[in-house]
Amino acid sequence: MKTISDRIFELIKERGMSQKYFSEKTGIAQSTISDWKKKKTNPVSDKILIISETLGVSPYELLSGAEHVGTRSNESTTYVVDKGTELGSLIEAYQSMGTSDQKRIIGYMQALMDMKK
């Protein structure tokens, strides 16, 4: 049976991340991440959410190794976006606008989407 740290390293590899990049994104020291690998230990519980967000999986999937496909919970309605990306800059600009400008942007986006149909 795989440990949580085994799943973390698999996901890091699948996502093409380096351990250094993963460390920078999560704020977890590289030495701590190395200890997970060398000593076969697992991260502390307060790091599970940031690890899940960084790797793009649910905490359930990270902890269990199984993708949650049940019907009892709702689909996630939250996106985690890095502010340093183009999309992050776009969201930040949008949030700084007034309501009327935001509505205009939404209108432009809808018109573009309609044109592609």
N, C-alpha and C. Protein backbone atom coordinates (compact mmCIF):
# COMPACT_ATOMS: atom_id res chain seq x y z
N MET A 1 0.84 -1.18 0.00
CA MET A 1 0.00 0.00 0.00
C MET A 1 0.89 1.25 0.00
N LYS A 2 0.53 2.21 -0.81
CA LYS A 2 1.32 3.43 -0.92
C LYS A 2 1.06 4.37 0.26
N THR A 3 2.12 5.05 0.65
CA THR A 3 1.98 6.06 1.69
C THR A 3 1.55 7.37 1.05
N ILE A 4 1.17 8.31 1.88
CA ILE A 4 0.80 9.65 1.38
C ILE A 4 1.99 10.26 0.66
N SER A 5 3.17 10.13 1.24
CA SER A 5 4.35 10.71 0.60
C SER A 5 4.63 10.04 -0.75
N ASP A 6 4.39 8.72 -0.87
CA ASP A 6 4.54 8.05 -2.17
C ASP A 6 3.63 8.70 -3.21
N ARG A 7 2.37 8.95 -2.81
CA ARG A 7 1.42 9.57 -3.74
C ARG A 7 1.85 10.98 -4.10
N ILE A 8 2.38 11.71 -3.13
CA ILE A 8 2.85 13.08 -3.39
C ILE A 8 3.95 13.05 -4.44
N PHE A 9 4.93 12.17 -4.29
CA PHE A 9 6.03 12.11 -5.25
C PHE A 9 5.56 11.64 -6.63
N GLU A 10 4.58 10.74 -6.67
CA GLU A 10 4.01 10.34 -7.96
C GLU A 10 3.34 11.53 -8.65
N LEU A 11 2.57 12.29 -7.88
CA LEU A 11 1.86 13.44 -8.44
C LEU A 11 2.84 14.54 -8.87
N ILE A 12 3.88 14.75 -8.10
CA ILE A 12 4.90 15.73 -8.48
C ILE A 12 5.49 15.35 -9.83
N LYS A 13 5.81 14.06 -9.97
CA LYS A 13 6.39 13.57 -11.23
C LYS A 13 5.39 13.69 -12.39
N GLU A 14 4.12 13.28 -12.15
CA GLU A 14 3.08 13.37 -13.19
C GLU A 14 2.88 14.81 -13.68
N ARG A 15 3.02 15.75 -12.76
CA ARG A 15 2.80 17.16 -13.10
C ARG A 15 4.06 17.81 -13.67
N GLY A 16 5.15 17.07 -13.74
CA GLY A 16 6.39 17.60 -14.28
C GLY A 16 7.03 18.65 -13.39
N MET A 17 6.77 18.57 -12.11
CA MET A 17 7.32 19.54 -11.15
C MET A 17 8.65 19.03 -10.61
N SER A 18 9.49 19.94 -10.24
CA SER A 18 10.69 19.58 -9.49
C SER A 18 10.34 19.69 -8.01
N GLN A 19 11.14 19.03 -7.18
CA GLN A 19 10.90 19.16 -5.74
C GLN A 19 11.13 20.59 -5.28
N LYS A 20 12.05 21.29 -5.93
CA LYS A 20 12.31 22.69 -5.58
C LYS A 20 11.08 23.54 -5.88
N TYR A 21 10.48 23.37 -7.06
CA TYR A 21 9.28 24.13 -7.43
C TYR A 21 8.15 23.81 -6.45
N PHE A 22 7.97 22.52 -6.15
CA PHE A 22 6.93 22.10 -5.21
C PHE A 22 7.15 22.76 -3.85
N SER A 23 8.40 22.80 -3.42
CA SER A 23 8.76 23.44 -2.15
C SER A 23 8.39 24.92 -2.17
N GLU A 24 8.72 25.61 -3.26
CA GLU A 24 8.42 27.04 -3.37
C GLU A 24 6.92 27.30 -3.36
N LYS A 25 6.17 26.47 -4.06
CA LYS A 25 4.71 26.66 -4.15
C LYS A 25 3.99 26.36 -2.84
N THR A 26 4.50 25.40 -2.08
CA THR A 26 3.82 25.01 -0.84
C THR A 26 4.37 25.72 0.39
N GLY A 27 5.60 26.25 0.28
CA GLY A 27 6.24 26.85 1.44
C GLY A 27 6.81 25.82 2.40
N ILE A 28 6.92 24.58 1.93
CA ILE A 28 7.48 23.50 2.74
C ILE A 28 8.97 23.39 2.40
N ALA A 29 9.80 23.34 3.40
CA ALA A 29 11.25 23.28 3.20
C ALA A 29 11.63 22.06 2.37
N GLN A 30 12.63 22.25 1.48
CA GLN A 30 13.10 21.14 0.65
C GLN A 30 13.63 20.00 1.51
N SER A 31 14.25 20.33 2.63
CA SER A 31 14.77 19.29 3.51
C SER A 31 13.65 18.43 4.08
N THR A 32 12.52 19.05 4.37
CA THR A 32 11.36 18.31 4.88
C THR A 32 10.84 17.36 3.81
N ILE A 33 10.75 17.86 2.57
CA ILE A 33 10.28 17.04 1.46
C ILE A 33 11.24 15.87 1.23
N SER A 34 12.53 16.13 1.32
CA SER A 34 13.53 15.06 1.18
C SER A 34 13.38 14.02 2.28
N ASP A 35 13.08 14.47 3.50
CA ASP A 35 12.87 13.54 4.61
C ASP A 35 11.70 12.61 4.34
N TRP A 36 10.65 13.11 3.70
CA TRP A 36 9.51 12.25 3.37
C TRP A 36 9.98 11.08 2.51
N LYS A 37 10.87 11.39 1.57
CA LYS A 37 11.34 10.37 0.64
C LYS A 37 12.33 9.42 1.31
N LYS A 38 13.30 9.98 2.02
CA LYS A 38 14.36 9.17 2.63
C LYS A 38 13.85 8.33 3.79
N LYS A 39 13.07 8.94 4.65
CA LYS A 39 12.64 8.27 5.88
C LYS A 39 11.26 7.65 5.75
N LYS A 40 10.66 7.78 4.59
CA LYS A 40 9.31 7.26 4.34
C LYS A 40 8.31 7.78 5.38
N THR A 41 8.41 9.08 5.67
CA THR A 41 7.46 9.71 6.59
C THR A 41 6.42 10.46 5.77
N ASN A 42 5.40 10.91 6.43
CA ASN A 42 4.32 11.64 5.77
C ASN A 42 4.27 13.08 6.27
N PRO A 43 3.69 13.98 5.46
CA PRO A 43 3.58 15.37 5.90
C PRO A 43 2.64 15.50 7.10
N VAL A 44 2.84 16.58 7.85
CA VAL A 44 1.94 16.85 8.97
C VAL A 44 0.58 17.29 8.41
N SER A 45 -0.44 17.08 9.20
CA SER A 45 -1.81 17.30 8.73
C SER A 45 -2.10 18.73 8.28
N ASP A 46 -1.45 19.73 8.88
CA ASP A 46 -1.76 21.11 8.50
C ASP A 46 -1.20 21.49 7.12
N LYS A 47 -0.45 20.59 6.49
CA LYS A 47 0.10 20.86 5.16
C LYS A 47 -0.72 20.20 4.05
N ILE A 48 -1.68 19.35 4.41
CA ILE A 48 -2.42 18.58 3.42
C ILE A 48 -3.18 19.48 2.44
N LEU A 49 -3.82 20.54 2.91
CA LEU A 49 -4.60 21.40 2.02
C LEU A 49 -3.71 22.10 0.99
N ILE A 50 -2.60 22.68 1.41
CA ILE A 50 -1.72 23.38 0.47
C ILE A 50 -1.09 22.40 -0.51
N ILE A 51 -0.77 21.19 -0.04
CA ILE A 51 -0.21 20.17 -0.93
C ILE A 51 -1.26 19.77 -1.96
N SER A 52 -2.49 19.55 -1.51
CA SER A 52 -3.58 19.17 -2.42
C SER A 52 -3.82 20.25 -3.47
N GLU A 53 -3.87 21.51 -3.04
CA GLU A 53 -4.09 22.62 -3.97
C GLU A 53 -2.96 22.71 -4.98
N THR A 54 -1.73 22.57 -4.52
CA THR A 54 -0.57 22.68 -5.41
C THR A 54 -0.56 21.56 -6.44
N LEU A 55 -0.96 20.37 -6.02
CA LEU A 55 -0.94 19.22 -6.93
C LEU A 55 -2.24 19.04 -7.71
N GLY A 56 -3.23 19.85 -7.40
CA GLY A 56 -4.49 19.80 -8.14
C GLY A 56 -5.33 18.56 -7.88
N VAL A 57 -5.29 18.08 -6.64
CA VAL A 57 -6.11 16.93 -6.25
C VAL A 57 -6.86 17.28 -4.98
N SER A 58 -7.90 16.53 -4.70
CA SER A 58 -8.64 16.75 -3.46
C SER A 58 -7.85 16.14 -2.30
N PRO A 59 -8.07 16.65 -1.09
CA PRO A 59 -7.43 16.03 0.07
C PRO A 59 -7.80 14.54 0.17
N TYR A 60 -9.02 14.22 -0.19
CA TYR A 60 -9.47 12.82 -0.17
C TYR A 60 -8.60 11.97 -1.08
N GLU A 61 -8.38 12.44 -2.30
CA GLU A 61 -7.55 11.70 -3.25
C GLU A 61 -6.12 11.58 -2.74
N LEU A 62 -5.58 12.65 -2.21
CA LEU A 62 -4.21 12.63 -1.70
C LEU A 62 -4.06 11.63 -0.55
N LEU A 63 -5.01 11.65 0.38
CA LEU A 63 -4.91 10.80 1.56
C LEU A 63 -5.24 9.34 1.27
N SER A 64 -6.19 9.10 0.38
CA SER A 64 -6.64 7.73 0.14
C SER A 64 -6.04 7.09 -1.10
N GLY A 65 -5.63 7.93 -2.04
CA GLY A 65 -5.13 7.40 -3.31
C GLY A 65 -6.25 7.10 -4.28
N ALA A 66 -7.49 7.33 -3.87
CA ALA A 66 -8.64 7.06 -4.73
C ALA A 66 -9.30 8.37 -5.10
N GLU A 67 -9.66 8.47 -6.36
CA GLU A 67 -10.38 9.66 -6.80
C GLU A 67 -11.80 9.57 -6.29
N HIS A 68 -12.28 10.63 -5.70
CA HIS A 68 -13.63 10.63 -5.13
C HIS A 68 -14.65 10.74 -6.26
N VAL A 69 -15.46 9.70 -6.41
CA VAL A 69 -16.46 9.71 -7.47
C VAL A 69 -17.88 9.50 -6.92
N GLY A 70 -18.03 9.55 -5.63
CA GLY A 70 -19.34 9.36 -5.02
C GLY A 70 -20.28 10.50 -5.36
N THR A 71 -21.54 10.30 -5.05
CA THR A 71 -22.56 11.29 -5.38
C THR A 71 -23.01 12.08 -4.15
N ARG A 72 -22.44 11.81 -3.00
CA ARG A 72 -22.90 12.46 -1.79
C ARG A 72 -22.34 13.85 -1.60
N SER A 73 -21.24 14.18 -2.24
CA SER A 73 -20.68 15.52 -2.07
C SER A 73 -20.78 16.30 -3.37
N ASN A 74 -20.75 17.59 -3.25
CA ASN A 74 -20.85 18.45 -4.43
C ASN A 74 -19.50 18.56 -5.12
N GLU A 75 -19.56 18.87 -6.42
CA GLU A 75 -18.33 19.13 -7.15
C GLU A 75 -17.70 20.40 -6.62
N SER A 76 -16.39 20.46 -6.72
CA SER A 76 -15.68 21.65 -6.26
C SER A 76 -16.07 22.84 -7.14
N THR A 77 -16.30 23.98 -6.51
CA THR A 77 -16.62 25.18 -7.25
C THR A 77 -15.53 26.22 -7.06
N THR A 78 -14.37 25.77 -6.65
CA THR A 78 -13.26 26.67 -6.34
C THR A 78 -12.07 26.36 -7.23
N TYR A 79 -11.43 27.42 -7.73
CA TYR A 79 -10.19 27.28 -8.47
C TYR A 79 -9.07 27.91 -7.64
N VAL A 80 -7.91 27.32 -7.69
CA VAL A 80 -6.74 27.91 -7.07
C VAL A 80 -5.87 28.41 -8.21
N VAL A 81 -5.62 29.73 -8.22
CA VAL A 81 -4.88 30.35 -9.31
C VAL A 81 -3.68 31.10 -8.73
N ASP A 82 -2.53 30.84 -9.29
CA ASP A 82 -1.30 31.51 -8.88
C ASP A 82 -1.36 32.96 -9.36
N LYS A 83 -1.19 33.92 -8.46
CA LYS A 83 -1.23 35.34 -8.83
C LYS A 83 -0.15 35.71 -9.84
N GLY A 84 0.94 34.95 -9.87
CA GLY A 84 2.04 35.24 -10.77
C GLY A 84 1.82 34.79 -12.20
N THR A 85 0.67 34.18 -12.49
CA THR A 85 0.38 33.72 -13.85
C THR A 85 -0.43 34.78 -14.60
N GLU A 86 -0.55 34.58 -15.90
CA GLU A 86 -1.35 35.48 -16.72
C GLU A 86 -2.80 35.50 -16.24
N LEU A 87 -3.34 34.31 -15.93
CA LEU A 87 -4.71 34.23 -15.44
C LEU A 87 -4.85 34.93 -14.09
N GLY A 88 -3.85 34.77 -13.22
CA GLY A 88 -3.88 35.46 -11.93
C GLY A 88 -3.90 36.96 -12.09
N SER A 89 -3.09 37.47 -13.04
CA SER A 89 -3.07 38.92 -13.31
C SER A 89 -4.41 39.39 -13.85
N LEU A 90 -5.02 38.58 -14.71
CA LEU A 90 -6.33 38.92 -15.27
C LEU A 90 -7.39 39.02 -14.17
N ILE A 91 -7.39 38.05 -13.28
CA ILE A 91 -8.36 38.05 -12.18
C ILE A 91 -8.14 39.25 -11.26
N GLU A 92 -6.88 39.55 -10.98
CA GLU A 92 -6.56 40.68 -10.12
C GLU A 92 -7.04 42.00 -10.75
N ALA A 93 -6.83 42.14 -12.06
CA ALA A 93 -7.28 43.35 -12.77
C ALA A 93 -8.80 43.44 -12.74
N TYR A 94 -9.46 42.32 -12.98
CA TYR A 94 -10.92 42.29 -12.97
C TYR A 94 -11.46 42.71 -11.60
N GLN A 95 -10.86 42.19 -10.54
CA GLN A 95 -11.32 42.51 -9.19
C GLN A 95 -11.10 43.97 -8.83
N SER A 96 -10.15 44.62 -9.47
CA SER A 96 -9.89 46.03 -9.16
C SER A 96 -10.84 46.97 -9.90
N MET A 97 -11.62 46.44 -10.85
CA MET A 97 -12.54 47.26 -11.64
C MET A 97 -13.84 47.53 -10.89
N GLY A 98 -14.51 48.55 -11.33
CA GLY A 98 -15.85 48.84 -10.82
C GLY A 98 -16.85 47.85 -11.39
N THR A 99 -18.04 47.81 -10.80
CA THR A 99 -19.07 46.86 -11.21
C THR A 99 -19.47 47.02 -12.68
N SER A 100 -19.60 48.24 -13.16
CA SER A 100 -20.02 48.44 -14.56
C SER A 100 -18.95 47.93 -15.52
N ASP A 101 -17.68 48.15 -15.21
CA ASP A 101 -16.61 47.63 -16.07
C ASP A 101 -16.55 46.10 -16.01
N GLN A 102 -16.79 45.54 -14.85
CA GLN A 102 -16.82 44.08 -14.73
C GLN A 102 -17.93 43.50 -15.60
N LYS A 103 -19.10 44.15 -15.59
CA LYS A 103 -20.21 43.68 -16.42
C LYS A 103 -19.87 43.77 -17.90
N ARG A 104 -19.16 44.83 -18.31
CA ARG A 104 -18.74 44.97 -19.70
C ARG A 104 -17.79 43.84 -20.09
N ILE A 105 -16.84 43.53 -19.21
CA ILE A 105 -15.89 42.44 -19.47
C ILE A 105 -16.64 41.11 -19.63
N ILE A 106 -17.59 40.85 -18.74
CA ILE A 106 -18.40 39.63 -18.84
C ILE A 106 -19.15 39.61 -20.17
N GLY A 107 -19.69 40.75 -20.58
CA GLY A 107 -20.38 40.85 -21.87
C GLY A 107 -19.46 40.55 -23.04
N TYR A 108 -18.25 41.09 -23.01
CA TYR A 108 -17.26 40.82 -24.07
C TYR A 108 -16.92 39.33 -24.12
N MET A 109 -16.73 38.75 -22.96
CA MET A 109 -16.38 37.32 -22.91
C MET A 109 -17.51 36.48 -23.47
N GLN A 110 -18.74 36.81 -23.12
CA GLN A 110 -19.90 36.06 -23.61
C GLN A 110 -20.01 36.19 -25.13
N ALA A 111 -19.79 37.41 -25.64
CA ALA A 111 -19.84 37.63 -27.10
C ALA A 111 -18.78 36.79 -27.81
N LEU A 112 -17.58 36.73 -27.24
CA LEU A 112 -16.52 35.90 -27.83
C LEU A 112 -16.88 34.43 -27.82
N MET A 113 -17.45 33.97 -26.72
CA MET A 113 -17.87 32.57 -26.62
C MET A 113 -18.98 32.25 -27.63
N ASP A 114 -19.92 33.20 -27.81
CA ASP A 114 -21.01 33.01 -28.78
C ASP A 114 -20.47 32.93 -30.20
N MET A 115 -19.43 33.72 -30.49
CA MET A 115 -18.84 33.72 -31.83
C MET A 115 -18.19 32.37 -32.17
N LYS A 116 -17.72 31.67 -31.17
CA LYS A 116 -17.04 30.39 -31.39
C LYS A 116 -18.00 29.23 -31.56
N LYS A 117 -19.27 29.48 -31.33
CA LYS A 117 -20.28 28.38 -31.46
C LYS A 117 -20.64 28.14 -32.89
